Amino acid sequence: MAIYLDIIWALNFLFDSLLLYLTAILLKRDVRLWRILMGGLIGSVIILLSITPLHSYSSHPMVKLLFSVVMVMAAFGFKRLTYFLKGLMTFYLTTFLIGGSLIGVHYFLKFDNDLTSSVMIASVKGFGDPISWLFVLLGFPIAWHLSKKNMESLEMTKIQYDSLIQVWIEIKGKKYQFKGLVDSGNQLYDPISRMPVMFVSIKDVVDQLPKELVRIAQNPDEAILGKQPIHADWESLIKVIPSKVVGSDHQLILAIKPDSIVLETKEEIIDVEKGLVSFSMQQLSADDAFQCIVHPKMLTGAKKVS
């Protein structure tokens, strides 16, 4: 069987460089391209050693670890021990993640009993890996792209989770609990009182809220235009607030001044002194991770309970 060493070396150089690049993305490190390529070049040298008298050493785990250390140092440098170890561990994480994905897909699509037995009994060495280079060449970019997307998705989930708080809203003597997302993009204020406005979805708790409140949330436009009369007990609580949304410069929304708004973060419980709540039937979170969008101003300048 003919072995094209130059192609194998080029593929390893490309893959090692991409793994280092993915590591830089996950660690949010600004690394120059030439350093990434230098790290990939160092990693690809181990392929060339496989055809030299040093081939018995090149396959040793300690030698591979040494190459990984030099690759990470070449790509990211050495500022301090924790900085370096974090880069090395993340590099191995990306390598095992993509390599495991390729192996899993390979054996999912094609399972060979005899081949598996031979691998378990006597490990395959050299270039005779059971996963073909063509499969790796086609599958590696896909696995790399999906791994990058999944890591970004997990990071966004963590950021969103860290921004979630518990919200208690008291209206007419009754308290209602929601899970809120603190969103810096919410900058809506009542132009007269300068109270910040919180948005709450009541789609899943309609049966728990007052009927008048649900009716207003279901048909806010009719209430604003006066087509739908509002009960006298609620008129003093309702405010009409102008807002801007994408595709429309001017829009009116209804907001209610509740008896109290209490926010619970990981560190403290905050009693919001001034705030309005706009109730809506629209679902704010596609996966029901939160039911309300909290104005960031509500977490500042408020009375801290504990």
C-alpha atoms as a PDB file:
ATOM      1  CA  MET A   1       0.000   0.000   0.000  1.00  0.00           C
ATOM      2  CA  ALA A   2       1.428   3.393  -1.022  1.00  0.00           C
ATOM      3  CA  ILE A   3       1.726   5.992   1.731  1.00  0.00           C
ATOM      4  CA  TYR A   4       1.840   9.632   0.714  1.00  0.00           C
ATOM      5  CA  LEU A   5       3.766  11.105   3.622  1.00  0.00           C
ATOM      6  CA  ASP A   6       3.504  14.671   2.370  1.00  0.00           C
ATOM      7  CA  ILE A   7      -0.305  14.501   2.336  1.00  0.00           C
ATOM      8  CA  ILE A   8      -0.450  12.905   5.787  1.00  0.00           C
ATOM      9  CA  TRP A   9       1.930  15.552   7.150  1.00  0.00           C
ATOM     10  CA  ALA A  10      -0.091  18.370   5.554  1.00  0.00           C
ATOM     11  CA  LEU A  11      -3.344  17.032   7.028  1.00  0.00           C
ATOM     12  CA  ASN A  12      -1.811  16.761  10.498  1.00  0.00           C
ATOM     13  CA  PHE A  13      -0.416  20.269  10.210  1.00  0.00           C
ATOM     14  CA  LEU A  14      -3.849  21.582   9.194  1.00  0.00           C
ATOM     15  CA  PHE A  15      -5.725  19.671  11.888  1.00  0.00           C
ATOM     16  CA  ASP A  16      -3.309  20.652  14.679  1.00  0.00           C
ATOM     17  CA  SER A  17      -3.583  24.295  13.638  1.00  0.00           C
ATOM     18  CA  LEU A  18      -7.375  24.139  13.629  1.00  0.00           C
ATOM     19  CA  LEU A  19      -7.398  22.507  17.066  1.00  0.00           C
ATOM     20  CA  LEU A  20      -5.197  25.293  18.429  1.00  0.00           C
ATOM     21  CA  TYR A  21      -7.448  27.876  16.771  1.00  0.00           C
ATOM     22  CA  LEU A  22     -10.545  26.307  18.365  1.00  0.00           C
ATOM     23  CA  THR A  23      -8.734  26.326  21.713  1.00  0.00           C
ATOM     24  CA  ALA A  24      -8.051  30.052  21.299  1.00  0.00           C
ATOM     25  CA  ILE A  25     -11.728  30.665  20.528  1.00  0.00           C
ATOM     26  CA  LEU A  26     -12.901  28.786  23.613  1.00  0.00           C
ATOM     27  CA  LEU A  27     -10.417  30.596  25.849  1.00  0.00           C
ATOM     28  CA  LYS A  28     -11.216  33.994  24.258  1.00  0.00           C
ATOM     29  CA  ARG A  29      -7.516  34.589  23.585  1.00  0.00           C
ATOM     30  CA  ASP A  30      -6.356  36.955  20.894  1.00  0.00           C
ATOM     31  CA  VAL A  31      -3.595  34.968  19.193  1.00  0.00           C
ATOM     32  CA  ARG A  32      -1.746  35.837  16.007  1.00  0.00           C
ATOM     33  CA  LEU A  33      -2.192  33.470  13.085  1.00  0.00           C
ATOM     34  CA  TRP A  34       1.524  32.813  12.712  1.00  0.00           C
ATOM     35  CA  ARG A  35       1.674  31.505  16.283  1.00  0.00           C
ATOM     36  CA  ILE A  36      -1.222  29.121  15.598  1.00  0.00           C
ATOM     37  CA  LEU A  37       0.543  27.871  12.461  1.00  0.00           C
ATOM     38  CA  MET A  38       3.814  27.499  14.364  1.00  0.00           C
ATOM     39  CA  GLY A  39       2.084  25.352  16.960  1.00  0.00           C
ATOM     40  CA  GLY A  40       0.522  23.237  14.221  1.00  0.00           C
ATOM     41  CA  LEU A  41       3.902  22.860  12.519  1.00  0.00           C
ATOM     42  CA  ILE A  42       5.497  21.634  15.745  1.00  0.00           C
ATOM     43  CA  GLY A  43       2.702  19.103  16.232  1.00  0.00           C
ATOM     44  CA  SER A  44       3.081  17.765  12.702  1.00  0.00           C
ATOM     45  CA  VAL A  45       6.772  16.967  13.265  1.00  0.00           C
ATOM     46  CA  ILE A  46       5.738  13.846  15.162  1.00  0.00           C
ATOM     47  CA  ILE A  47       4.500  12.406  11.835  1.00  0.00           C
ATOM     48  CA  LEU A  48       7.936  12.853  10.293  1.00  0.00           C
ATOM     49  CA  LEU A  49       9.556  11.141  13.275  1.00  0.00           C
ATOM     50  CA  SER A  50       7.427   8.065  12.578  1.00  0.00           C
ATOM     51  CA  ILE A  51       9.597   7.137   9.574  1.00  0.00           C
ATOM     52  CA  THR A  52      12.913   7.724  11.313  1.00  0.00           C
ATOM     53  CA  PRO A  53      14.834   5.466  13.709  1.00  0.00           C
ATOM     54  CA  LEU A  54      13.149   7.441  16.481  1.00  0.00           C
ATOM     55  CA  HIS A  55       9.711   6.050  15.579  1.00  0.00           C
ATOM     56  CA  SER A  56       9.624   3.905  18.734  1.00  0.00           C
ATOM     57  CA  TYR A  57       9.980   7.051  20.846  1.00  0.00           C
ATOM     58  CA  SER A  58       7.573   9.190  18.841  1.00  0.00           C
ATOM     59  CA  SER A  59       4.628   6.971  19.802  1.00  0.00           C
ATOM     60  CA  HIS A  60       5.405   7.124  23.532  1.00  0.00           C
ATOM     61  CA  PRO A  61       2.775   8.999  25.604  1.00  0.00           C
ATOM     62  CA  MET A  62       5.403  11.177  27.293  1.00  0.00           C
ATOM     63  CA  VAL A  63       6.772  12.279  23.918  1.00  0.00           C
ATOM     64  CA  LYS A  64       3.254  13.148  22.749  1.00  0.00           C
ATOM     65  CA  LEU A  65       2.690  15.097  25.962  1.00  0.00           C
ATOM     66  CA  LEU A  66       5.957  16.957  25.399  1.00  0.00           C
ATOM     67  CA  PHE A  67       4.893  17.894  21.870  1.00  0.00           C
ATOM     68  CA  SER A  68       1.533  19.131  23.202  1.00  0.00           C
ATOM     69  CA  VAL A  69       3.298  21.286  25.788  1.00  0.00           C
ATOM     70  CA  VAL A  70       5.556  22.847  23.148  1.00  0.00           C
ATOM     71  CA  MET A  71       2.600  23.400  20.798  1.00  0.00           C
ATOM     72  CA  VAL A  72       0.594  25.251  23.458  1.00  0.00           C
ATOM     73  CA  MET A  73       3.610  27.312  24.494  1.00  0.00           C
ATOM     74  CA  ALA A  74       4.301  28.246  20.879  1.00  0.00           C
ATOM     75  CA  ALA A  75       0.682  29.253  20.261  1.00  0.00           C
ATOM     76  CA  PHE A  76      -0.183  31.017  23.533  1.00  0.00           C
ATOM     77  CA  GLY A  77       3.128  31.642  25.268  1.00  0.00           C
ATOM     78  CA  PHE A  78       3.845  31.209  28.967  1.00  0.00           C
ATOM     79  CA  LYS A  79       2.624  34.042  31.214  1.00  0.00           C
ATOM     80  CA  ARG A  80       2.029  32.059  34.373  1.00  0.00           C
ATOM     81  CA  LEU A  81       1.476  28.417  35.282  1.00  0.00           C
ATOM     82  CA  THR A  82      -2.330  28.596  35.595  1.00  0.00           C
ATOM     83  CA  TYR A  83      -2.549  30.405  32.232  1.00  0.00           C
ATOM     84  CA  PHE A  84      -0.480  27.695  30.561  1.00  0.00           C
ATOM     85  CA  LEU A  85      -2.249  24.744  32.215  1.00  0.00           C
ATOM     86  CA  LYS A  86      -5.654  26.139  31.240  1.00  0.00           C
ATOM     87  CA  GLY A  87      -4.511  26.353  27.624  1.00  0.00           C
ATOM     88  CA  LEU A  88      -3.085  22.821  27.684  1.00  0.00           C
ATOM     89  CA  MET A  89      -6.202  21.287  29.260  1.00  0.00           C
ATOM     90  CA  THR A  90      -8.503  23.099  26.830  1.00  0.00           C
ATOM     91  CA  PHE A  91      -6.350  21.927  23.910  1.00  0.00           C
ATOM     92  CA  TYR A  92      -6.741  18.311  25.045  1.00  0.00           C
ATOM     93  CA  LEU A  93     -10.468  18.878  25.554  1.00  0.00           C
ATOM     94  CA  THR A  94     -10.941  20.065  21.977  1.00  0.00           C
ATOM     95  CA  THR A  95      -8.755  17.230  20.665  1.00  0.00           C
ATOM     96  CA  PHE A  96     -10.724  14.523  22.510  1.00  0.00           C
ATOM     97  CA  LEU A  97     -14.021  16.203  21.664  1.00  0.00           C
ATOM     98  CA  ILE A  98     -13.428  16.236  17.918  1.00  0.00           C
ATOM     99  CA  GLY A  99     -11.531  12.942  17.844  1.00  0.00           C
ATOM    100  CA  GLY A 100     -14.241  11.229  19.873  1.00  0.00           C
ATOM    101  CA  SER A 101     -16.896  12.664  17.583  1.00  0.00           C
ATOM    102  CA  LEU A 102     -15.168  11.239  14.509  1.00  0.00           C
ATOM    103  CA  ILE A 103     -14.691   7.812  16.106  1.00  0.00           C
ATOM    104  CA  GLY A 104     -18.287   7.750  17.294  1.00  0.00           C
ATOM    105  CA  VAL A 105     -19.682   8.662  13.881  1.00  0.00           C
ATOM    106  CA  HIS A 106     -17.372   6.163  12.173  1.00  0.00           C
ATOM    107  CA  TYR A 107     -18.461   3.203  14.264  1.00  0.00           C
ATOM    108  CA  PHE A 108     -22.061   4.361  14.212  1.00  0.00           C
ATOM    109  CA  LEU A 109     -22.086   4.193  10.416  1.00  0.00           C
ATOM    110  CA  LYS A 110     -19.896   1.101  10.065  1.00  0.00           C
ATOM    111  CA  PHE A 111     -19.194  -1.479  12.777  1.00  0.00           C
ATOM    112  CA  ASP A 112     -16.735  -4.245  11.942  1.00  0.00           C
ATOM    113  CA  ASN A 113     -16.519  -7.023  14.541  1.00  0.00           C
ATOM    114  CA  ASP A 114     -13.257  -8.444  13.237  1.00  0.00           C
ATOM    115  CA  LEU A 115     -11.673  -5.015  13.040  1.00  0.00           C
ATOM    116  CA  THR A 116     -12.760  -4.145  16.558  1.00  0.00           C
ATOM    117  CA  SER A 117     -11.307  -7.394  17.905  1.00  0.00           C
ATOM    118  CA  SER A 118      -8.003  -6.811  16.173  1.00  0.00           C
ATOM    119  CA  VAL A 119      -7.811  -3.291  17.569  1.00  0.00           C
ATOM    120  CA  MET A 120      -8.583  -4.473  21.101  1.00  0.00           C
ATOM    121  CA  ILE A 121      -6.092  -7.337  21.016  1.00  0.00           C
ATOM    122  CA  ALA A 122      -3.209  -5.662  19.213  1.00  0.00           C
ATOM    123  CA  SER A 123      -3.496  -1.914  18.863  1.00  0.00           C
ATOM    124  CA  VAL A 124      -3.220  -0.566  15.348  1.00  0.00           C
ATOM    125  CA  LYS A 125       0.025   1.324  14.888  1.00  0.00           C
ATOM    126  CA  GLY A 126       1.496   3.694  12.347  1.00  0.00           C
ATOM    127  CA  PHE A 127      -0.635   4.868   9.470  1.00  0.00           C
ATOM    128  CA  GLY A 128      -2.929   1.859   9.396  1.00  0.00           C
ATOM    129  CA  ASP A 129      -5.626   3.498  11.484  1.00  0.00           C
ATOM    130  CA  PRO A 130      -9.058   1.883  11.025  1.00  0.00           C
ATOM    131  CA  ILE A 131     -10.577   5.315  10.364  1.00  0.00           C
ATOM    132  CA  SER A 132      -9.688   6.248   6.796  1.00  0.00           C
ATOM    133  CA  TRP A 133      -7.946   9.519   6.038  1.00  0.00           C
ATOM    134  CA  LEU A 134     -10.709  10.379   3.591  1.00  0.00           C
ATOM    135  CA  PHE A 135     -13.291  10.074   6.352  1.00  0.00           C
ATOM    136  CA  VAL A 136     -11.147  12.239   8.650  1.00  0.00           C
ATOM    137  CA  LEU A 137     -10.620  14.811   5.893  1.00  0.00           C
ATOM    138  CA  LEU A 138     -14.345  15.122   5.324  1.00  0.00           C
ATOM    139  CA  GLY A 139     -15.500  14.685   8.893  1.00  0.00           C
ATOM    140  CA  PHE A 140     -12.979  16.864  10.719  1.00  0.00           C
ATOM    141  CA  PRO A 141     -14.263  20.242   9.400  1.00  0.00           C
ATOM    142  CA  ILE A 142     -17.834  19.228  10.220  1.00  0.00           C
ATOM    143  CA  ALA A 143     -16.906  18.059  13.734  1.00  0.00           C
ATOM    144  CA  TRP A 144     -14.852  21.233  14.255  1.00  0.00           C
ATOM    145  CA  HIS A 145     -17.717  23.480  13.165  1.00  0.00           C
ATOM    146  CA  LEU A 146     -20.315  21.652  15.278  1.00  0.00           C
ATOM    147  CA  SER A 147     -18.019  21.619  18.316  1.00  0.00           C
ATOM    148  CA  LYS A 148     -17.452  25.357  17.991  1.00  0.00           C
ATOM    149  CA  LYS A 149     -21.191  26.024  17.686  1.00  0.00           C
ATOM    150  CA  ASN A 150     -22.040  23.767  20.630  1.00  0.00           C
ATOM    151  CA  MET A 151     -19.390  25.397  22.819  1.00  0.00           C
ATOM    152  CA  GLU A 152     -20.773  28.838  21.954  1.00  0.00           C
ATOM    153  CA  SER A 153     -24.278  27.626  22.728  1.00  0.00           C
ATOM    154  CA  LEU A 154     -23.169  26.245  26.106  1.00  0.00           C
ATOM    155  CA  GLU A 155     -21.421  29.511  26.870  1.00  0.00           C
ATOM    156  CA  MET A 156     -24.534  31.526  26.011  1.00  0.00           C
ATOM    157  CA  THR A 157     -26.599  29.204  28.211  1.00  0.00           C
ATOM    158  CA  LYS A 158     -24.180  29.781  31.100  1.00  0.00           C
ATOM    159  CA  ILE A 159     -24.289  33.553  30.579  1.00  0.00           C
ATOM    160  CA  GLN A 160     -28.073  33.440  30.475  1.00  0.00           C
ATOM    161  CA  TYR A 161     -28.213  31.218  33.575  1.00  0.00           C
ATOM    162  CA  ASP A 162     -25.964  33.625  35.488  1.00  0.00           C
ATOM    163  CA  SER A 163     -28.338  36.461  34.565  1.00  0.00           C
ATOM    164  CA  LEU A 164     -31.463  34.692  35.831  1.00  0.00           C
ATOM    165  CA  ILE A 165     -33.060  35.889  39.068  1.00  0.00           C
ATOM    166  CA  GLN A 166     -36.237  35.238  41.038  1.00  0.00           C
ATOM    167  CA  VAL A 167     -38.927  37.911  40.788  1.00  0.00           C
ATOM    168  CA  TRP A 168     -41.876  38.455  43.133  1.00  0.00           C
ATOM    169  CA  ILE A 169     -44.600  40.873  42.041  1.00  0.00           C
ATOM    170  CA  GLU A 170     -47.372  41.868  44.450  1.00  0.00           C
ATOM    171  CA  ILE A 171     -50.647  43.128  42.974  1.00  0.00           C
ATOM    172  CA  LYS A 172     -53.693  43.906  45.130  1.00  0.00           C
ATOM    173  CA  GLY A 173     -52.320  41.993  48.093  1.00  0.00           C
ATOM    174  CA  LYS A 174     -51.355  38.827  46.206  1.00  0.00           C
ATOM    175  CA  LYS A 175     -47.796  37.836  45.309  1.00  0.00           C
ATOM    176  CA  TYR A 176     -46.784  36.090  42.091  1.00  0.00           C
ATOM    177  CA  GLN A 177     -43.410  34.491  41.449  1.00  0.00           C
ATOM    178  CA  PHE A 178     -41.589  34.513  38.111  1.00  0.00           C
ATOM    179  CA  LYS A 179     -38.139  33.714  36.823  1.00  0.00           C
ATOM    180  CA  GLY A 180     -36.559  36.801  35.286  1.00  0.00           C
ATOM    181  CA  LEU A 181     -33.689  37.580  32.931  1.00  0.00           C
ATOM    182  CA  VAL A 182     -31.707  40.746  33.569  1.00  0.00           C
ATOM    183  CA  ASP A 183     -31.360  42.275  30.103  1.00  0.00           C
ATOM    184  CA  SER A 184     -29.207  45.352  29.537  1.00  0.00           C
ATOM    185  CA  GLY A 185     -31.016  45.819  26.223  1.00  0.00           C
ATOM    186  CA  ASN A 186     -34.205  46.707  28.074  1.00  0.00           C
ATOM    187  CA  GLN A 187     -33.950  50.489  28.502  1.00  0.00           C
ATOM    188  CA  LEU A 188     -37.634  51.384  28.595  1.00  0.00           C
ATOM    189  CA  TYR A 189     -38.703  54.072  31.082  1.00  0.00           C
ATOM    190  CA  ASP A 190     -41.934  55.860  31.778  1.00  0.00           C
ATOM    191  CA  PRO A 191     -41.154  59.302  30.294  1.00  0.00           C
ATOM    192  CA  ILE A 192     -43.011  61.133  33.090  1.00  0.00           C
ATOM    193  CA  SER A 193     -42.064  59.311  36.292  1.00  0.00           C
ATOM    194  CA  ARG A 194     -38.792  57.842  34.884  1.00  0.00           C
ATOM    195  CA  MET A 195     -39.717  54.460  36.327  1.00  0.00           C
ATOM    196  CA  PRO A 196     -38.058  51.468  34.626  1.00  0.00           C
ATOM    197  CA  VAL A 197     -40.398  48.974  32.948  1.00  0.00           C
ATOM    198  CA  MET A 198     -40.249  45.187  33.311  1.00  0.00           C
ATOM    199  CA  PHE A 199     -41.881  42.848  30.791  1.00  0.00           C
ATOM    200  CA  VAL A 200     -43.707  39.748  32.086  1.00  0.00           C
ATOM    201  CA  SER A 201     -45.236  36.891  30.124  1.00  0.00           C
ATOM    202  CA  ILE A 202     -48.366  35.426  31.721  1.00  0.00           C
ATOM    203  CA  LYS A 203     -49.036  32.875  29.018  1.00  0.00           C
ATOM    204  CA  ASP A 204     -48.582  29.891  31.361  1.00  0.00           C
ATOM    205  CA  VAL A 205     -50.125  31.410  34.510  1.00  0.00           C
ATOM    206  CA  VAL A 206     -53.372  32.864  33.170  1.00  0.00           C
ATOM    207  CA  ASP A 207     -55.488  30.933  35.650  1.00  0.00           C
ATOM    208  CA  GLN A 208     -53.518  32.308  38.630  1.00  0.00           C
ATOM    209  CA  LEU A 209     -53.873  36.031  37.861  1.00  0.00           C
ATOM    210  CA  PRO A 210     -56.834  38.413  38.259  1.00  0.00           C
ATOM    211  CA  LYS A 211     -59.259  38.233  35.336  1.00  0.00           C
ATOM    212  CA  GLU A 212     -59.091  41.976  34.719  1.00  0.00           C
ATOM    213  CA  LEU A 213     -55.309  41.833  34.413  1.00  0.00           C
ATOM    214  CA  VAL A 214     -55.509  38.902  31.989  1.00  0.00           C
ATOM    215  CA  ARG A 215     -58.124  40.717  29.910  1.00  0.00           C
ATOM    216  CA  ILE A 216     -55.913  43.794  29.628  1.00  0.00           C
ATOM    217  CA  ALA A 217     -52.881  41.682  28.679  1.00  0.00           C
ATOM    218  CA  GLN A 218     -54.853  39.845  26.000  1.00  0.00           C
ATOM    219  CA  ASN A 219     -56.163  43.025  24.324  1.00  0.00           C
ATOM    220  CA  PRO A 220     -53.870  45.936  25.208  1.00  0.00           C
ATOM    221  CA  ASP A 221     -54.614  47.902  22.030  1.00  0.00           C
ATOM    222  CA  GLU A 222     -58.344  47.918  22.701  1.00  0.00           C
ATOM    223  CA  ALA A 223     -57.730  49.161  26.236  1.00  0.00           C
ATOM    224  CA  ILE A 224     -55.446  51.925  24.967  1.00  0.00           C
ATOM    225  CA  LEU A 225     -57.942  53.068  22.326  1.00  0.00           C
ATOM    226  CA  GLY A 226     -60.801  52.974  24.836  1.00  0.00           C
ATOM    227  CA  LYS A 227     -62.694  50.228  23.015  1.00  0.00           C
ATOM    228  CA  GLN A 228     -62.434  48.019  26.071  1.00  0.00           C
ATOM    229  CA  PRO A 229     -63.507  49.600  29.382  1.00  0.00           C
ATOM    230  CA  ILE A 230     -61.148  49.176  32.330  1.00  0.00           C
ATOM    231  CA  HIS A 231     -62.499  48.467  35.786  1.00  0.00           C
ATOM    232  CA  ALA A 232     -62.329  51.453  38.116  1.00  0.00           C
ATOM    233  CA  ASP A 233     -60.126  49.573  40.608  1.00  0.00           C
ATOM    234  CA  TRP A 234     -57.437  49.191  37.933  1.00  0.00           C
ATOM    235  CA  GLU A 235     -57.516  52.609  36.271  1.00  0.00           C
ATOM    236  CA  SER A 236     -55.238  54.204  38.872  1.00  0.00           C
ATOM    237  CA  LEU A 237     -52.657  51.441  38.433  1.00  0.00           C
ATOM    238  CA  ILE A 238     -52.381  51.561  34.646  1.00  0.00           C
ATOM    239  CA  LYS A 239     -50.009  53.768  32.679  1.00  0.00           C
ATOM    240  CA  VAL A 240     -49.657  54.161  28.906  1.00  0.00           C
ATOM    241  CA  ILE A 241     -46.001  54.242  27.888  1.00  0.00           C
ATOM    242  CA  PRO A 242     -44.574  55.066  24.435  1.00  0.00           C
ATOM    243  CA  SER A 243     -41.869  52.709  23.228  1.00  0.00           C
ATOM    244  CA  LYS A 244     -39.777  51.986  20.169  1.00  0.00           C
ATOM    245  CA  VAL A 245     -39.467  48.557  18.606  1.00  0.00           C
ATOM    246  CA  VAL A 246     -37.837  47.219  15.454  1.00  0.00           C
ATOM    247  CA  GLY A 247     -39.937  48.147  12.438  1.00  0.00           C
ATOM    248  CA  SER A 248     -41.944  50.774  14.297  1.00  0.00           C
ATOM    249  CA  ASP A 249     -40.765  54.111  15.700  1.00  0.00           C
ATOM    250  CA  HIS A 250     -43.732  54.645  17.974  1.00  0.00           C
ATOM    251  CA  GLN A 251     -45.786  52.107  19.874  1.00  0.00           C
ATOM    252  CA  LEU A 252     -47.882  52.344  23.007  1.00  0.00           C
ATOM    253  CA  ILE A 253     -47.830  49.701  25.710  1.00  0.00           C
ATOM    254  CA  LEU A 254     -49.724  49.310  28.960  1.00  0.00           C
ATOM    255  CA  ALA A 255     -47.872  48.988  32.240  1.00  0.00           C
ATOM    256  CA  ILE A 256     -49.111  48.488  35.781  1.00  0.00           C
ATOM    257  CA  LYS A 257     -47.714  49.931  39.001  1.00  0.00           C
ATOM    258  CA  PRO A 258     -47.680  46.916  41.360  1.00  0.00           C
ATOM    259  CA  ASP A 259     -47.772  47.071  45.136  1.00  0.00           C
ATOM    260  CA  SER A 260     -44.177  45.837  45.275  1.00  0.00           C
ATOM    261  CA  ILE A 261     -41.402  44.231  43.209  1.00  0.00           C
ATOM    262  CA  VAL A 262     -38.818  42.040  44.946  1.00  0.00           C
ATOM    263  CA  LEU A 263     -35.784  40.618  43.134  1.00  0.00           C
ATOM    264  CA  GLU A 264     -33.642  37.787  44.459  1.00  0.00           C
ATOM    265  CA  THR A 265     -30.143  37.405  43.052  1.00  0.00           C
ATOM    266  CA  LYS A 266     -27.426  34.989  44.184  1.00  0.00           C
ATOM    267  CA  GLU A 267     -26.029  37.556  46.591  1.00  0.00           C
ATOM    268  CA  GLU A 268     -29.005  39.557  47.858  1.00  0.00           C
ATOM    269  CA  ILE A 269     -32.711  40.266  47.928  1.00  0.00           C
ATOM    270  CA  ILE A 270     -33.694  43.671  46.538  1.00  0.00           C
ATOM    271  CA  ASP A 271     -36.900  45.582  47.155  1.00  0.00           C
ATOM    272  CA  VAL A 272     -37.446  47.733  44.058  1.00  0.00           C
ATOM    273  CA  GLU A 273     -38.771  51.107  45.145  1.00  0.00           C
ATOM    274  CA  LYS A 274     -39.856  52.335  41.716  1.00  0.00           C
ATOM    275  CA  GLY A 275     -40.861  50.125  38.834  1.00  0.00           C
ATOM    276  CA  LEU A 276     -43.610  49.304  36.363  1.00  0.00           C
ATOM    277  CA  VAL A 277     -44.649  45.960  34.909  1.00  0.00           C
ATOM    278  CA  SER A 278     -45.990  45.363  31.411  1.00  0.00           C
ATOM    279  CA  PHE A 279     -47.890  42.062  31.193  1.00  0.00           C
ATOM    280  CA  SER A 280     -48.147  40.236  27.883  1.00  0.00           C
ATOM    281  CA  MET A 281     -49.451  36.969  26.486  1.00  0.00           C
ATOM    282  CA  GLN A 282     -46.354  36.686  24.302  1.00  0.00           C
ATOM    283  CA  GLN A 283     -43.823  34.005  25.250  1.00  0.00           C
ATOM    284  CA  LEU A 284     -40.483  35.677  25.989  1.00  0.00           C
ATOM    285  CA  SER A 285     -38.307  32.557  26.108  1.00  0.00           C
ATOM    286  CA  ALA A 286     -38.471  29.798  23.507  1.00  0.00           C
ATOM    287  CA  ASP A 287     -37.401  27.161  26.065  1.00  0.00           C
ATOM    288  CA  ASP A 288     -39.333  28.675  29.023  1.00  0.00           C
ATOM    289  CA  ALA A 289     -36.076  29.517  30.798  1.00  0.00           C
ATOM    290  CA  PHE A 290     -37.590  32.781  32.048  1.00  0.00           C
ATOM    291  CA  GLN A 291     -40.962  34.539  32.114  1.00  0.00           C
ATOM    292  CA  CYS A 292     -39.939  38.162  32.489  1.00  0.00           C
ATOM    293  CA  ILE A 293     -37.298  40.594  31.260  1.00  0.00           C
ATOM    294  CA  VAL A 294     -35.970  42.657  34.139  1.00  0.00           C
ATOM    295  CA  HIS A 295     -34.801  46.215  33.636  1.00  0.00           C
ATOM    296  CA  PRO A 296     -31.159  46.472  34.867  1.00  0.00           C
ATOM    297  CA  LYS A 297     -31.973  49.764  36.591  1.00  0.00           C
ATOM    298  CA  MET A 298     -34.171  47.841  39.020  1.00  0.00           C
ATOM    299  CA  LEU A 299     -31.075  46.225  40.508  1.00  0.00           C
ATOM    300  CA  THR A 300     -29.434  49.565  41.236  1.00  0.00           C
ATOM    301  CA  GLY A 301     -30.435  52.309  43.581  1.00  0.00           C
ATOM    302  CA  ALA A 302     -32.968  50.012  45.267  1.00  0.00           C
ATOM    303  CA  LYS A 303     -33.478  49.157  48.897  1.00  0.00           C
ATOM    304  CA  LYS A 304     -31.572  45.966  49.724  1.00  0.00           C
ATOM    305  CA  VAL A 305     -33.476  43.708  52.062  1.00  0.00           C
ATOM    306  CA  SER A 306     -30.586  41.311  52.714  1.00  0.00           C
END
